[in-house]
Amino acid sequence: MSQLTNHYRDDDPSGLPSDIKAYLDEAYLHKLAHLQVRQPKLLVVFSGGNAMGKTVLSRKLGAELQGLVLENDAVKECLLQRYPEMDRDARNVLTWQYTMDLYARLDTVTPNGLIIRDGLIDWYYDRILPVFQKQQYPLFIIGYDISRAKNEELIKKRGDKPTITIERMLRLIDEQQVHMGRFRAEYTPDIMLTDDNIFDHDRIVQAVRDRLQ
């Protein structure tokens, strides 16, 4: 696929080194909460922008519904701890390769079918979702319809993180709109959060609980 926006990546999901896979399985996968809980299949994803509270909401969903929270930033942080001299580009490639490999083998590593993907689905939905569709995961989409002013406010409030800076998140806002438009032309969110109710997480938990039942 051609580069759709300046920061869009077309990394090959194959080629994950076996030692990196073994390390991340030990440092990341095997330490996930609810890994051995048995749950029906449902993939929960987020469509919107950065710094909107996805991680807090993901962890609430995981805790209250005993779901398996999969977070790209947590994988990157494991790599950063083990390989502090690794540059960001290499870390991003390995995170992509590892997570795509993990998605494809979820049926073999956990009986927990409630997967909460803590990350935006918009950019690479057409590469990620087919992996889950092949394993017959129903989809639940949490969408954000947030004003630009609110988005910028939340980004600045969140601050820099080891894996991404305020400056980079602000630069990505316009590109995020492009990819969100692509995604929502094909998929409609099951529930939407706006400036007025962005942190109404109890409503989201109940909606996901209802879908599971």
N, C-alpha and C. Protein backbone atom coordinates (compact mmCIF):
# COMPACT_ATOMS: atom_id res chain seq x y z
N MET A 1 0.85 -1.19 0.00
CA MET A 1 0.00 0.00 0.00
C MET A 1 0.89 1.24 0.00
N SER A 2 0.48 2.27 -0.76
CA SER A 2 1.26 3.50 -0.81
C SER A 2 1.13 4.25 0.50
N GLN A 3 2.05 5.18 0.73
CA GLN A 3 2.03 5.96 1.96
C GLN A 3 0.89 6.96 1.89
N LEU A 4 -0.11 6.78 2.72
CA LEU A 4 -1.33 7.58 2.65
C LEU A 4 -1.14 8.97 3.24
N THR A 5 -0.34 9.08 4.28
CA THR A 5 -0.02 10.37 4.91
C THR A 5 1.45 10.32 5.31
N ASN A 6 1.97 11.46 5.77
CA ASN A 6 3.41 11.56 6.03
C ASN A 6 3.92 10.53 7.04
N HIS A 7 3.12 10.25 8.05
CA HIS A 7 3.58 9.36 9.11
C HIS A 7 3.00 7.94 8.99
N TYR A 8 2.30 7.68 7.91
CA TYR A 8 1.77 6.32 7.71
C TYR A 8 2.93 5.37 7.40
N ARG A 9 2.88 4.19 8.00
CA ARG A 9 3.95 3.21 7.82
C ARG A 9 3.40 1.99 7.11
N ASP A 10 4.26 1.37 6.31
CA ASP A 10 3.87 0.15 5.61
C ASP A 10 4.86 -0.97 5.95
N ASP A 11 5.12 -1.13 7.25
CA ASP A 11 6.10 -2.11 7.69
C ASP A 11 5.61 -3.53 7.44
N ASP A 12 6.53 -4.40 7.12
CA ASP A 12 6.25 -5.82 6.91
C ASP A 12 5.98 -6.46 8.28
N PRO A 13 4.83 -7.13 8.45
CA PRO A 13 4.55 -7.74 9.75
C PRO A 13 5.34 -9.02 10.01
N SER A 14 5.99 -9.55 8.98
CA SER A 14 6.78 -10.77 9.15
C SER A 14 8.22 -10.43 9.53
N GLY A 15 8.97 -11.44 9.90
CA GLY A 15 10.39 -11.25 10.19
C GLY A 15 10.71 -10.96 11.63
N LEU A 16 9.78 -11.22 12.55
CA LEU A 16 10.04 -10.98 13.97
C LEU A 16 11.13 -11.93 14.46
N PRO A 17 12.24 -11.42 15.00
CA PRO A 17 13.31 -12.30 15.50
C PRO A 17 12.79 -13.17 16.65
N SER A 18 13.20 -14.43 16.67
CA SER A 18 12.69 -15.37 17.66
C SER A 18 13.07 -14.95 19.09
N ASP A 19 14.25 -14.34 19.26
CA ASP A 19 14.64 -13.94 20.61
C ASP A 19 13.80 -12.77 21.12
N ILE A 20 13.41 -11.86 20.22
CA ILE A 20 12.55 -10.75 20.60
C ILE A 20 11.16 -11.28 20.96
N LYS A 21 10.66 -12.20 20.18
CA LYS A 21 9.35 -12.80 20.46
C LYS A 21 9.36 -13.48 21.82
N ALA A 22 10.39 -14.26 22.11
CA ALA A 22 10.47 -14.97 23.39
C ALA A 22 10.56 -13.97 24.54
N TYR A 23 11.35 -12.92 24.37
CA TYR A 23 11.48 -11.92 25.42
C TYR A 23 10.16 -11.21 25.69
N LEU A 24 9.45 -10.79 24.63
CA LEU A 24 8.19 -10.08 24.81
C LEU A 24 7.09 -10.98 25.34
N ASP A 25 7.11 -12.24 24.97
CA ASP A 25 6.14 -13.17 25.56
C ASP A 25 6.33 -13.24 27.07
N GLU A 26 7.58 -13.28 27.49
CA GLU A 26 7.87 -13.38 28.92
C GLU A 26 7.63 -12.06 29.65
N ALA A 27 8.11 -10.98 29.07
CA ALA A 27 8.05 -9.67 29.75
C ALA A 27 6.71 -8.99 29.63
N TYR A 28 5.96 -9.33 28.59
CA TYR A 28 4.69 -8.65 28.33
C TYR A 28 3.49 -9.60 28.39
N LEU A 29 3.43 -10.55 27.47
CA LEU A 29 2.25 -11.40 27.33
C LEU A 29 1.93 -12.17 28.60
N HIS A 30 2.90 -12.88 29.14
CA HIS A 30 2.65 -13.75 30.28
C HIS A 30 2.33 -12.99 31.57
N LYS A 31 2.53 -11.67 31.56
CA LYS A 31 2.23 -10.86 32.73
C LYS A 31 0.89 -10.13 32.62
N LEU A 32 0.16 -10.36 31.53
CA LEU A 32 -1.12 -9.70 31.35
C LEU A 32 -2.16 -10.22 32.33
N ALA A 33 -2.94 -9.31 32.88
CA ALA A 33 -4.04 -9.71 33.75
C ALA A 33 -5.11 -10.43 32.95
N HIS A 34 -5.72 -11.43 33.55
CA HIS A 34 -6.86 -12.17 32.99
C HIS A 34 -6.48 -13.04 31.79
N LEU A 35 -5.20 -13.38 31.68
CA LEU A 35 -4.76 -14.19 30.55
C LEU A 35 -5.44 -15.56 30.53
N GLN A 36 -5.73 -16.11 31.71
CA GLN A 36 -6.31 -17.45 31.78
C GLN A 36 -7.82 -17.44 32.03
N VAL A 37 -8.43 -16.27 32.02
CA VAL A 37 -9.88 -16.18 32.20
C VAL A 37 -10.57 -16.59 30.89
N ARG A 38 -11.66 -17.33 31.01
CA ARG A 38 -12.40 -17.76 29.82
C ARG A 38 -13.55 -16.77 29.57
N GLN A 39 -13.53 -16.15 28.40
CA GLN A 39 -14.55 -15.19 28.01
C GLN A 39 -14.94 -15.42 26.56
N PRO A 40 -16.19 -15.08 26.18
CA PRO A 40 -16.58 -15.17 24.77
C PRO A 40 -15.81 -14.14 23.94
N LYS A 41 -15.77 -14.36 22.66
CA LYS A 41 -14.99 -13.47 21.79
C LYS A 41 -15.69 -12.15 21.53
N LEU A 42 -14.93 -11.08 21.69
CA LEU A 42 -15.35 -9.73 21.32
C LEU A 42 -14.10 -8.86 21.26
N LEU A 43 -13.89 -8.21 20.14
CA LEU A 43 -12.76 -7.30 19.98
C LEU A 43 -13.26 -5.87 20.16
N VAL A 44 -12.72 -5.17 21.16
CA VAL A 44 -13.08 -3.77 21.42
C VAL A 44 -11.95 -2.89 20.89
N VAL A 45 -12.30 -1.94 20.02
CA VAL A 45 -11.29 -1.04 19.45
C VAL A 45 -11.74 0.41 19.59
N PHE A 46 -10.78 1.32 19.39
CA PHE A 46 -11.03 2.75 19.55
C PHE A 46 -10.78 3.48 18.23
N SER A 47 -11.68 4.41 17.92
CA SER A 47 -11.53 5.26 16.75
C SER A 47 -11.61 6.71 17.21
N GLY A 48 -10.56 7.48 16.95
CA GLY A 48 -10.57 8.88 17.39
C GLY A 48 -9.18 9.45 17.40
N GLY A 49 -8.80 10.13 18.48
CA GLY A 49 -7.49 10.78 18.53
C GLY A 49 -6.69 10.39 19.75
N ASN A 50 -5.50 10.96 19.85
CA ASN A 50 -4.61 10.67 20.98
C ASN A 50 -5.04 11.42 22.24
N ALA A 51 -4.64 10.85 23.39
CA ALA A 51 -4.80 11.50 24.71
C ALA A 51 -6.25 11.67 25.13
N MET A 52 -7.13 10.79 24.67
CA MET A 52 -8.56 10.92 24.99
C MET A 52 -9.00 10.00 26.12
N GLY A 53 -8.06 9.35 26.77
CA GLY A 53 -8.42 8.51 27.90
C GLY A 53 -8.62 7.05 27.55
N LYS A 54 -8.08 6.63 26.40
CA LYS A 54 -8.27 5.24 25.97
C LYS A 54 -7.65 4.25 26.96
N THR A 55 -6.48 4.59 27.48
CA THR A 55 -5.80 3.66 28.39
C THR A 55 -6.58 3.51 29.70
N VAL A 56 -7.06 4.61 30.24
CA VAL A 56 -7.86 4.54 31.47
C VAL A 56 -9.12 3.72 31.23
N LEU A 57 -9.79 3.97 30.11
CA LEU A 57 -11.01 3.24 29.78
C LEU A 57 -10.71 1.77 29.51
N SER A 58 -9.62 1.50 28.79
CA SER A 58 -9.24 0.11 28.51
C SER A 58 -9.03 -0.66 29.80
N ARG A 59 -8.31 -0.04 30.74
CA ARG A 59 -8.02 -0.72 32.00
C ARG A 59 -9.29 -0.91 32.83
N LYS A 60 -10.21 0.03 32.75
CA LYS A 60 -11.49 -0.12 33.46
C LYS A 60 -12.29 -1.28 32.86
N LEU A 61 -12.33 -1.34 31.54
CA LEU A 61 -13.01 -2.45 30.87
C LEU A 61 -12.36 -3.79 31.24
N GLY A 62 -11.03 -3.80 31.23
CA GLY A 62 -10.33 -5.02 31.58
C GLY A 62 -10.60 -5.46 33.00
N ALA A 63 -10.59 -4.50 33.93
CA ALA A 63 -10.79 -4.83 35.34
C ALA A 63 -12.22 -5.26 35.63
N GLU A 64 -13.19 -4.54 35.09
CA GLU A 64 -14.59 -4.81 35.43
C GLU A 64 -15.19 -5.98 34.65
N LEU A 65 -14.67 -6.23 33.46
CA LEU A 65 -15.22 -7.30 32.62
C LEU A 65 -14.24 -8.46 32.44
N GLN A 66 -13.08 -8.37 33.10
CA GLN A 66 -12.04 -9.40 33.01
C GLN A 66 -11.60 -9.64 31.57
N GLY A 67 -11.40 -8.54 30.87
CA GLY A 67 -10.92 -8.62 29.50
C GLY A 67 -9.40 -8.55 29.44
N LEU A 68 -8.88 -8.91 28.29
CA LEU A 68 -7.44 -8.89 28.05
C LEU A 68 -7.09 -7.60 27.32
N VAL A 69 -6.34 -6.72 28.00
CA VAL A 69 -5.99 -5.42 27.43
C VAL A 69 -4.65 -5.54 26.72
N LEU A 70 -4.65 -5.25 25.42
CA LEU A 70 -3.43 -5.30 24.62
C LEU A 70 -3.06 -3.87 24.25
N GLU A 71 -1.86 -3.46 24.64
CA GLU A 71 -1.45 -2.06 24.53
C GLU A 71 -0.09 -1.96 23.83
N ASN A 72 -0.07 -1.29 22.69
CA ASN A 72 1.18 -1.12 21.95
C ASN A 72 2.25 -0.41 22.77
N ASP A 73 1.85 0.62 23.51
CA ASP A 73 2.83 1.37 24.28
C ASP A 73 3.51 0.49 25.33
N ALA A 74 2.77 -0.47 25.89
CA ALA A 74 3.36 -1.36 26.89
C ALA A 74 4.42 -2.26 26.25
N VAL A 75 4.17 -2.68 25.01
CA VAL A 75 5.16 -3.47 24.28
C VAL A 75 6.40 -2.62 24.02
N LYS A 76 6.19 -1.38 23.59
CA LYS A 76 7.32 -0.48 23.33
C LYS A 76 8.13 -0.23 24.59
N GLU A 77 7.44 -0.10 25.71
CA GLU A 77 8.15 0.15 26.97
C GLU A 77 8.99 -1.06 27.39
N CYS A 78 8.50 -2.27 27.11
CA CYS A 78 9.30 -3.48 27.38
C CYS A 78 10.57 -3.47 26.52
N LEU A 79 10.41 -3.10 25.26
CA LEU A 79 11.57 -3.03 24.37
C LEU A 79 12.55 -1.96 24.84
N LEU A 80 12.02 -0.84 25.30
CA LEU A 80 12.85 0.26 25.77
C LEU A 80 13.65 -0.15 27.00
N GLN A 81 13.04 -0.94 27.87
CA GLN A 81 13.74 -1.39 29.07
C GLN A 81 14.88 -2.35 28.72
N ARG A 82 14.63 -3.24 27.78
CA ARG A 82 15.63 -4.26 27.43
C ARG A 82 16.69 -3.71 26.48
N TYR A 83 16.26 -2.83 25.58
CA TYR A 83 17.17 -2.29 24.56
C TYR A 83 17.10 -0.75 24.58
N PRO A 84 17.66 -0.11 25.61
CA PRO A 84 17.54 1.34 25.75
C PRO A 84 18.19 2.14 24.62
N GLU A 85 19.12 1.54 23.90
CA GLU A 85 19.79 2.25 22.82
C GLU A 85 19.09 2.08 21.48
N MET A 86 18.05 1.27 21.43
CA MET A 86 17.32 1.03 20.18
C MET A 86 16.61 2.31 19.74
N ASP A 87 16.71 2.67 18.46
CA ASP A 87 16.05 3.89 18.01
C ASP A 87 14.55 3.66 17.84
N ARG A 88 13.80 4.76 17.77
CA ARG A 88 12.34 4.69 17.75
C ARG A 88 11.82 3.91 16.54
N ASP A 89 12.44 4.10 15.39
CA ASP A 89 11.98 3.42 14.19
C ASP A 89 12.07 1.90 14.34
N ALA A 90 13.20 1.43 14.83
CA ALA A 90 13.37 -0.01 15.03
C ALA A 90 12.38 -0.54 16.06
N ARG A 91 12.15 0.25 17.10
CA ARG A 91 11.21 -0.15 18.16
C ARG A 91 9.79 -0.24 17.60
N ASN A 92 9.43 0.71 16.74
CA ASN A 92 8.10 0.69 16.13
C ASN A 92 7.91 -0.54 15.24
N VAL A 93 8.93 -0.86 14.47
CA VAL A 93 8.84 -2.02 13.58
C VAL A 93 8.66 -3.30 14.40
N LEU A 94 9.45 -3.46 15.43
CA LEU A 94 9.36 -4.67 16.26
C LEU A 94 8.01 -4.74 16.98
N THR A 95 7.50 -3.61 17.42
CA THR A 95 6.18 -3.60 18.07
C THR A 95 5.10 -4.03 17.09
N TRP A 96 5.16 -3.54 15.88
CA TRP A 96 4.20 -3.93 14.83
C TRP A 96 4.30 -5.44 14.56
N GLN A 97 5.50 -5.92 14.40
CA GLN A 97 5.69 -7.34 14.09
C GLN A 97 5.21 -8.22 15.24
N TYR A 98 5.53 -7.82 16.46
CA TYR A 98 5.14 -8.64 17.60
C TYR A 98 3.63 -8.64 17.80
N THR A 99 3.01 -7.46 17.74
CA THR A 99 1.57 -7.41 17.98
C THR A 99 0.80 -8.14 16.89
N MET A 100 1.21 -8.01 15.65
CA MET A 100 0.52 -8.73 14.57
C MET A 100 0.68 -10.23 14.74
N ASP A 101 1.86 -10.66 15.16
CA ASP A 101 2.08 -12.08 15.44
C ASP A 101 1.20 -12.54 16.60
N LEU A 102 1.11 -11.72 17.64
CA LEU A 102 0.31 -12.07 18.80
C LEU A 102 -1.17 -12.15 18.45
N TYR A 103 -1.67 -11.18 17.70
CA TYR A 103 -3.08 -11.21 17.31
C TYR A 103 -3.42 -12.52 16.59
N ALA A 104 -2.52 -12.97 15.75
CA ALA A 104 -2.78 -14.16 14.93
C ALA A 104 -2.78 -15.45 15.75
N ARG A 105 -2.20 -15.43 16.94
CA ARG A 105 -2.12 -16.66 17.74
C ARG A 105 -2.86 -16.57 19.06
N LEU A 106 -3.76 -15.60 19.18
CA LEU A 106 -4.49 -15.44 20.43
C LEU A 106 -5.25 -16.70 20.81
N ASP A 107 -5.83 -17.38 19.83
CA ASP A 107 -6.58 -18.60 20.12
C ASP A 107 -5.73 -19.66 20.79
N THR A 108 -4.42 -19.61 20.58
CA THR A 108 -3.54 -20.64 21.12
C THR A 108 -2.89 -20.25 22.45
N VAL A 109 -2.98 -18.95 22.82
CA VAL A 109 -2.27 -18.51 24.03
C VAL A 109 -3.20 -18.12 25.16
N THR A 110 -4.50 -17.97 24.88
CA THR A 110 -5.43 -17.57 25.94
C THR A 110 -6.84 -18.05 25.63
N PRO A 111 -7.60 -18.43 26.67
CA PRO A 111 -9.01 -18.74 26.47
C PRO A 111 -9.88 -17.48 26.56
N ASN A 112 -9.25 -16.35 26.81
CA ASN A 112 -9.97 -15.09 26.99
C ASN A 112 -10.24 -14.46 25.63
N GLY A 113 -11.50 -14.44 25.25
CA GLY A 113 -11.86 -13.88 23.95
C GLY A 113 -12.21 -12.41 23.98
N LEU A 114 -12.31 -11.81 25.19
CA LEU A 114 -12.60 -10.39 25.28
C LEU A 114 -11.30 -9.61 25.16
N ILE A 115 -11.02 -9.11 23.96
CA ILE A 115 -9.77 -8.42 23.67
C ILE A 115 -10.05 -6.92 23.57
N ILE A 116 -9.38 -6.14 24.40
CA ILE A 116 -9.50 -4.68 24.37
C ILE A 116 -8.20 -4.13 23.82
N ARG A 117 -8.24 -3.64 22.61
CA ARG A 117 -7.02 -3.14 21.96
C ARG A 117 -6.86 -1.66 22.29
N ASP A 118 -5.95 -1.37 23.21
CA ASP A 118 -5.72 0.00 23.66
C ASP A 118 -4.80 0.70 22.67
N GLY A 119 -5.42 1.26 21.65
CA GLY A 119 -4.70 1.96 20.60
C GLY A 119 -5.70 2.33 19.52
N LEU A 120 -5.36 3.29 18.68
CA LEU A 120 -6.27 3.69 17.62
C LEU A 120 -6.30 2.64 16.52
N ILE A 121 -7.49 2.29 16.07
CA ILE A 121 -7.63 1.32 15.00
C ILE A 121 -7.61 2.00 13.63
N ASP A 122 -7.80 3.31 13.58
CA ASP A 122 -8.05 4.00 12.32
C ASP A 122 -6.94 3.84 11.28
N TRP A 123 -5.69 3.93 11.72
CA TRP A 123 -4.59 3.98 10.76
C TRP A 123 -4.40 2.67 10.02
N TYR A 124 -4.50 1.56 10.70
CA TYR A 124 -4.14 0.27 10.10
C TYR A 124 -5.27 -0.76 10.22
N TYR A 125 -6.50 -0.27 10.26
CA TYR A 125 -7.64 -1.17 10.43
C TYR A 125 -7.71 -2.24 9.34
N ASP A 126 -7.34 -1.85 8.12
CA ASP A 126 -7.46 -2.78 7.00
C ASP A 126 -6.36 -3.84 7.01
N ARG A 127 -5.40 -3.71 7.90
CA ARG A 127 -4.37 -4.74 8.07
C ARG A 127 -4.59 -5.54 9.36
N ILE A 128 -5.14 -4.90 10.37
CA ILE A 128 -5.33 -5.54 11.67
C ILE A 128 -6.63 -6.34 11.74
N LEU A 129 -7.73 -5.73 11.34
CA LEU A 129 -9.03 -6.39 11.53
C LEU A 129 -9.16 -7.73 10.81
N PRO A 130 -8.59 -7.90 9.59
CA PRO A 130 -8.70 -9.22 8.96
C PRO A 130 -8.10 -10.35 9.79
N VAL A 131 -7.08 -10.05 10.60
CA VAL A 131 -6.47 -11.08 11.45
C VAL A 131 -7.49 -11.56 12.48
N PHE A 132 -8.26 -10.63 13.03
CA PHE A 132 -9.29 -10.99 14.02
C PHE A 132 -10.52 -11.60 13.35
N GLN A 133 -10.86 -11.09 12.18
CA GLN A 133 -12.01 -11.64 11.45
C GLN A 133 -11.78 -13.10 11.10
N LYS A 134 -10.56 -13.44 10.76
CA LYS A 134 -10.22 -14.82 10.45
C LYS A 134 -10.48 -15.74 11.64
N GLN A 135 -10.33 -15.19 12.85
CA GLN A 135 -10.57 -15.96 14.07
C GLN A 135 -11.99 -15.75 14.62
N GLN A 136 -12.82 -15.08 13.82
CA GLN A 136 -14.25 -14.91 14.12
C GLN A 136 -14.51 -14.10 15.39
N TYR A 137 -13.80 -12.99 15.51
CA TYR A 137 -14.06 -12.06 16.60
C TYR A 137 -15.12 -11.05 16.17
N PRO A 138 -16.27 -10.95 16.89
CA PRO A 138 -17.17 -9.82 16.66
C PRO A 138 -16.46 -8.53 17.05
N LEU A 139 -16.97 -7.39 16.53
CA LEU A 139 -16.28 -6.12 16.71
C LEU A 139 -17.18 -5.14 17.47
N PHE A 140 -16.58 -4.44 18.44
CA PHE A 140 -17.25 -3.36 19.15
C PHE A 140 -16.36 -2.12 19.05
N ILE A 141 -16.89 -1.03 18.47
CA ILE A 141 -16.10 0.16 18.20
C ILE A 141 -16.52 1.30 19.11
N ILE A 142 -15.56 1.83 19.86
CA ILE A 142 -15.77 3.02 20.68
C ILE A 142 -15.21 4.20 19.88
N GLY A 143 -16.08 5.12 19.51
CA GLY A 143 -15.66 6.26 18.70
C GLY A 143 -15.59 7.54 19.50
N TYR A 144 -14.69 8.42 19.10
CA TYR A 144 -14.57 9.74 19.71
C TYR A 144 -14.87 10.80 18.65
N ASP A 145 -15.78 11.70 18.97
CA ASP A 145 -16.08 12.84 18.11
C ASP A 145 -15.78 14.09 18.92
N ILE A 146 -14.51 14.45 18.95
CA ILE A 146 -14.00 15.48 19.86
C ILE A 146 -13.53 16.69 19.05
N SER A 147 -13.81 17.88 19.54
CA SER A 147 -13.36 19.10 18.86
C SER A 147 -11.84 19.18 18.86
N ARG A 148 -11.29 19.91 17.91
CA ARG A 148 -9.84 20.07 17.85
C ARG A 148 -9.31 20.76 19.11
N ALA A 149 -10.05 21.77 19.58
CA ALA A 149 -9.61 22.49 20.78
C ALA A 149 -9.54 21.55 21.98
N LYS A 150 -10.52 20.68 22.13
CA LYS A 150 -10.52 19.73 23.24
C LYS A 150 -9.40 18.73 23.07
N ASN A 151 -9.17 18.28 21.84
CA ASN A 151 -8.09 17.33 21.58
C ASN A 151 -6.74 17.92 21.96
N GLU A 152 -6.48 19.16 21.54
CA GLU A 152 -5.21 19.81 21.87
C GLU A 152 -5.07 20.00 23.38
N GLU A 153 -6.16 20.36 24.04
CA GLU A 153 -6.15 20.54 25.49
C GLU A 153 -5.76 19.23 26.19
N LEU A 154 -6.34 18.12 25.75
CA LEU A 154 -6.07 16.83 26.38
C LEU A 154 -4.63 16.37 26.12
N ILE A 155 -4.14 16.64 24.91
CA ILE A 155 -2.76 16.26 24.58
C ILE A 155 -1.78 17.00 25.49
N LYS A 156 -1.99 18.30 25.64
CA LYS A 156 -1.08 19.10 26.47
C LYS A 156 -1.18 18.69 27.94
N LYS A 157 -2.38 18.35 28.37
CA LYS A 157 -2.56 17.92 29.76
C LYS A 157 -1.89 16.58 30.01
N ARG A 158 -1.95 15.70 29.03
CA ARG A 158 -1.32 14.37 29.18
C ARG A 158 0.18 14.48 29.29
N GLY A 159 0.78 15.33 28.47
CA GLY A 159 2.23 15.52 28.52
C GLY A 159 3.00 14.48 27.74
N ASP A 160 4.32 14.63 27.77
CA ASP A 160 5.20 13.69 27.07
C ASP A 160 5.18 12.32 27.75
N LYS A 161 5.36 11.29 26.94
CA LYS A 161 5.53 9.94 27.46
C LYS A 161 6.81 9.37 26.88
N PRO A 162 7.32 8.27 27.44
CA PRO A 162 8.56 7.71 26.89
C PRO A 162 8.46 7.34 25.42
N THR A 163 7.23 7.04 24.95
CA THR A 163 7.08 6.56 23.58
C THR A 163 6.55 7.61 22.61
N ILE A 164 6.07 8.76 23.13
CA ILE A 164 5.55 9.81 22.23
C ILE A 164 5.52 11.14 22.96
N THR A 165 5.78 12.22 22.23
CA THR A 165 5.83 13.55 22.84
C THR A 165 4.57 14.35 22.50
N ILE A 166 4.36 15.43 23.27
CA ILE A 166 3.25 16.35 22.98
C ILE A 166 3.36 16.86 21.56
N GLU A 167 4.56 17.29 21.17
CA GLU A 167 4.76 17.86 19.84
C GLU A 167 4.34 16.88 18.75
N ARG A 168 4.72 15.62 18.90
CA ARG A 168 4.39 14.64 17.88
C ARG A 168 2.87 14.40 17.84
N MET A 169 2.24 14.31 19.00
CA MET A 169 0.79 14.09 19.02
C MET A 169 0.05 15.25 18.35
N LEU A 170 0.51 16.47 18.59
CA LEU A 170 -0.13 17.63 17.96
C LEU A 170 0.04 17.59 16.44
N ARG A 171 1.22 17.18 16.00
CA ARG A 171 1.47 17.10 14.55
C ARG A 171 0.59 16.05 13.88
N LEU A 172 0.19 15.03 14.63
CA LEU A 172 -0.55 13.92 14.05
C LEU A 172 -2.06 14.17 13.94
N ILE A 173 -2.55 15.28 14.50
CA ILE A 173 -3.99 15.50 14.53
C ILE A 173 -4.59 15.50 13.13
N ASP A 174 -4.01 16.25 12.21
CA ASP A 174 -4.58 16.34 10.86
C ASP A 174 -4.53 14.99 10.15
N GLU A 175 -3.42 14.27 10.31
CA GLU A 175 -3.32 12.96 9.68
C GLU A 175 -4.32 11.98 10.28
N GLN A 176 -4.53 12.09 11.59
CA GLN A 176 -5.51 11.22 12.23
C GLN A 176 -6.89 11.39 11.62
N GLN A 177 -7.25 12.61 11.27
CA GLN A 177 -8.54 12.86 10.64
C GLN A 177 -8.68 12.12 9.32
N VAL A 178 -7.59 12.07 8.57
CA VAL A 178 -7.60 11.35 7.28
C VAL A 178 -7.90 9.87 7.51
N HIS A 179 -7.19 9.27 8.43
CA HIS A 179 -7.34 7.83 8.65
C HIS A 179 -8.67 7.50 9.35
N MET A 180 -9.12 8.40 10.22
CA MET A 180 -10.43 8.19 10.84
C MET A 180 -11.52 8.24 9.76
N GLY A 181 -11.38 9.13 8.80
CA GLY A 181 -12.34 9.19 7.70
C GLY A 181 -12.37 7.91 6.89
N ARG A 182 -11.19 7.36 6.63
CA ARG A 182 -11.11 6.08 5.90
C ARG A 182 -11.83 4.98 6.66
N PHE A 183 -11.52 4.89 7.95
CA PHE A 183 -12.10 3.83 8.77
C PHE A 183 -13.61 3.96 8.86
N ARG A 184 -14.09 5.16 9.14
CA ARG A 184 -15.52 5.33 9.37
C ARG A 184 -16.34 5.32 8.08
N ALA A 185 -15.67 5.36 6.95
CA ALA A 185 -16.39 5.14 5.69
C ALA A 185 -16.80 3.68 5.56
N GLU A 186 -16.13 2.80 6.30
CA GLU A 186 -16.42 1.37 6.24
C GLU A 186 -17.06 0.83 7.52
N TYR A 187 -16.80 1.48 8.65
CA TYR A 187 -17.28 1.00 9.94
C TYR A 187 -17.95 2.13 10.72
N THR A 188 -19.03 1.81 11.41
CA THR A 188 -19.74 2.78 12.23
C THR A 188 -19.53 2.45 13.71
N PRO A 189 -19.06 3.40 14.51
CA PRO A 189 -18.88 3.13 15.93
C PRO A 189 -20.17 2.65 16.59
N ASP A 190 -20.03 1.73 17.53
CA ASP A 190 -21.18 1.24 18.29
C ASP A 190 -21.63 2.26 19.33
N ILE A 191 -20.70 3.07 19.78
CA ILE A 191 -21.01 4.09 20.78
C ILE A 191 -20.04 5.25 20.58
N MET A 192 -20.52 6.47 20.79
CA MET A 192 -19.71 7.65 20.51
C MET A 192 -19.55 8.51 21.77
N LEU A 193 -18.33 9.01 21.94
CA LEU A 193 -18.04 9.94 23.03
C LEU A 193 -17.72 11.31 22.43
N THR A 194 -18.22 12.36 23.08
CA THR A 194 -18.04 13.73 22.61
C THR A 194 -17.37 14.57 23.70
N ASP A 195 -17.19 15.86 23.40
CA ASP A 195 -16.62 16.77 24.39
C ASP A 195 -17.39 16.71 25.71
N ASP A 196 -18.70 16.52 25.62
CA ASP A 196 -19.56 16.59 26.81
C ASP A 196 -19.55 15.33 27.66
N ASN A 197 -19.23 14.19 27.04
CA ASN A 197 -19.32 12.93 27.81
C ASN A 197 -18.10 12.04 27.63
N ILE A 198 -16.96 12.65 27.28
CA ILE A 198 -15.76 11.89 26.93
C ILE A 198 -15.30 10.95 28.03
N PHE A 199 -15.58 11.29 29.28
CA PHE A 199 -15.12 10.45 30.39
C PHE A 199 -16.26 9.69 31.06
N ASP A 200 -17.35 9.51 30.34
CA ASP A 200 -18.47 8.72 30.86
C ASP A 200 -18.17 7.23 30.63
N HIS A 201 -17.19 6.74 31.36
CA HIS A 201 -16.71 5.39 31.13
C HIS A 201 -17.68 4.31 31.59
N ASP A 202 -18.49 4.63 32.60
CA ASP A 202 -19.45 3.62 33.08
C ASP A 202 -20.43 3.23 31.97
N ARG A 203 -20.82 4.20 31.16
CA ARG A 203 -21.73 3.90 30.04
C ARG A 203 -21.10 2.95 29.04
N ILE A 204 -19.79 3.12 28.83
CA ILE A 204 -19.09 2.25 27.89
C ILE A 204 -18.99 0.84 28.45
N VAL A 205 -18.65 0.74 29.72
CA VAL A 205 -18.54 -0.58 30.35
C VAL A 205 -19.87 -1.32 30.25
N GLN A 206 -20.96 -0.63 30.51
CA GLN A 206 -22.27 -1.27 30.45
C GLN A 206 -22.60 -1.70 29.02
N ALA A 207 -22.25 -0.87 28.04
CA ALA A 207 -22.53 -1.21 26.65
C ALA A 207 -21.75 -2.45 26.21
N VAL A 208 -20.50 -2.55 26.63
CA VAL A 208 -19.72 -3.74 26.29
C VAL A 208 -20.25 -4.96 27.04
N ARG A 209 -20.64 -4.76 28.29
CA ARG A 209 -21.22 -5.87 29.06
C ARG A 209 -22.49 -6.39 28.38
N ASP A 210 -23.32 -5.47 27.91
CA ASP A 210 -24.55 -5.86 27.23
C ASP A 210 -24.24 -6.65 25.97
N ARG A 211 -23.21 -6.23 25.24
CA ARG A 211 -22.85 -6.96 24.00
C ARG A 211 -22.36 -8.36 24.33
N LEU A 212 -21.60 -8.50 25.37
CA LEU A 212 -21.11 -9.83 25.76
C LEU A 212 -22.26 -10.75 26.12
N GLN A 213 -23.31 -10.20 26.72
CA GLN A 213 -24.43 -11.01 27.15
C GLN A 213 -25.42 -11.29 26.04
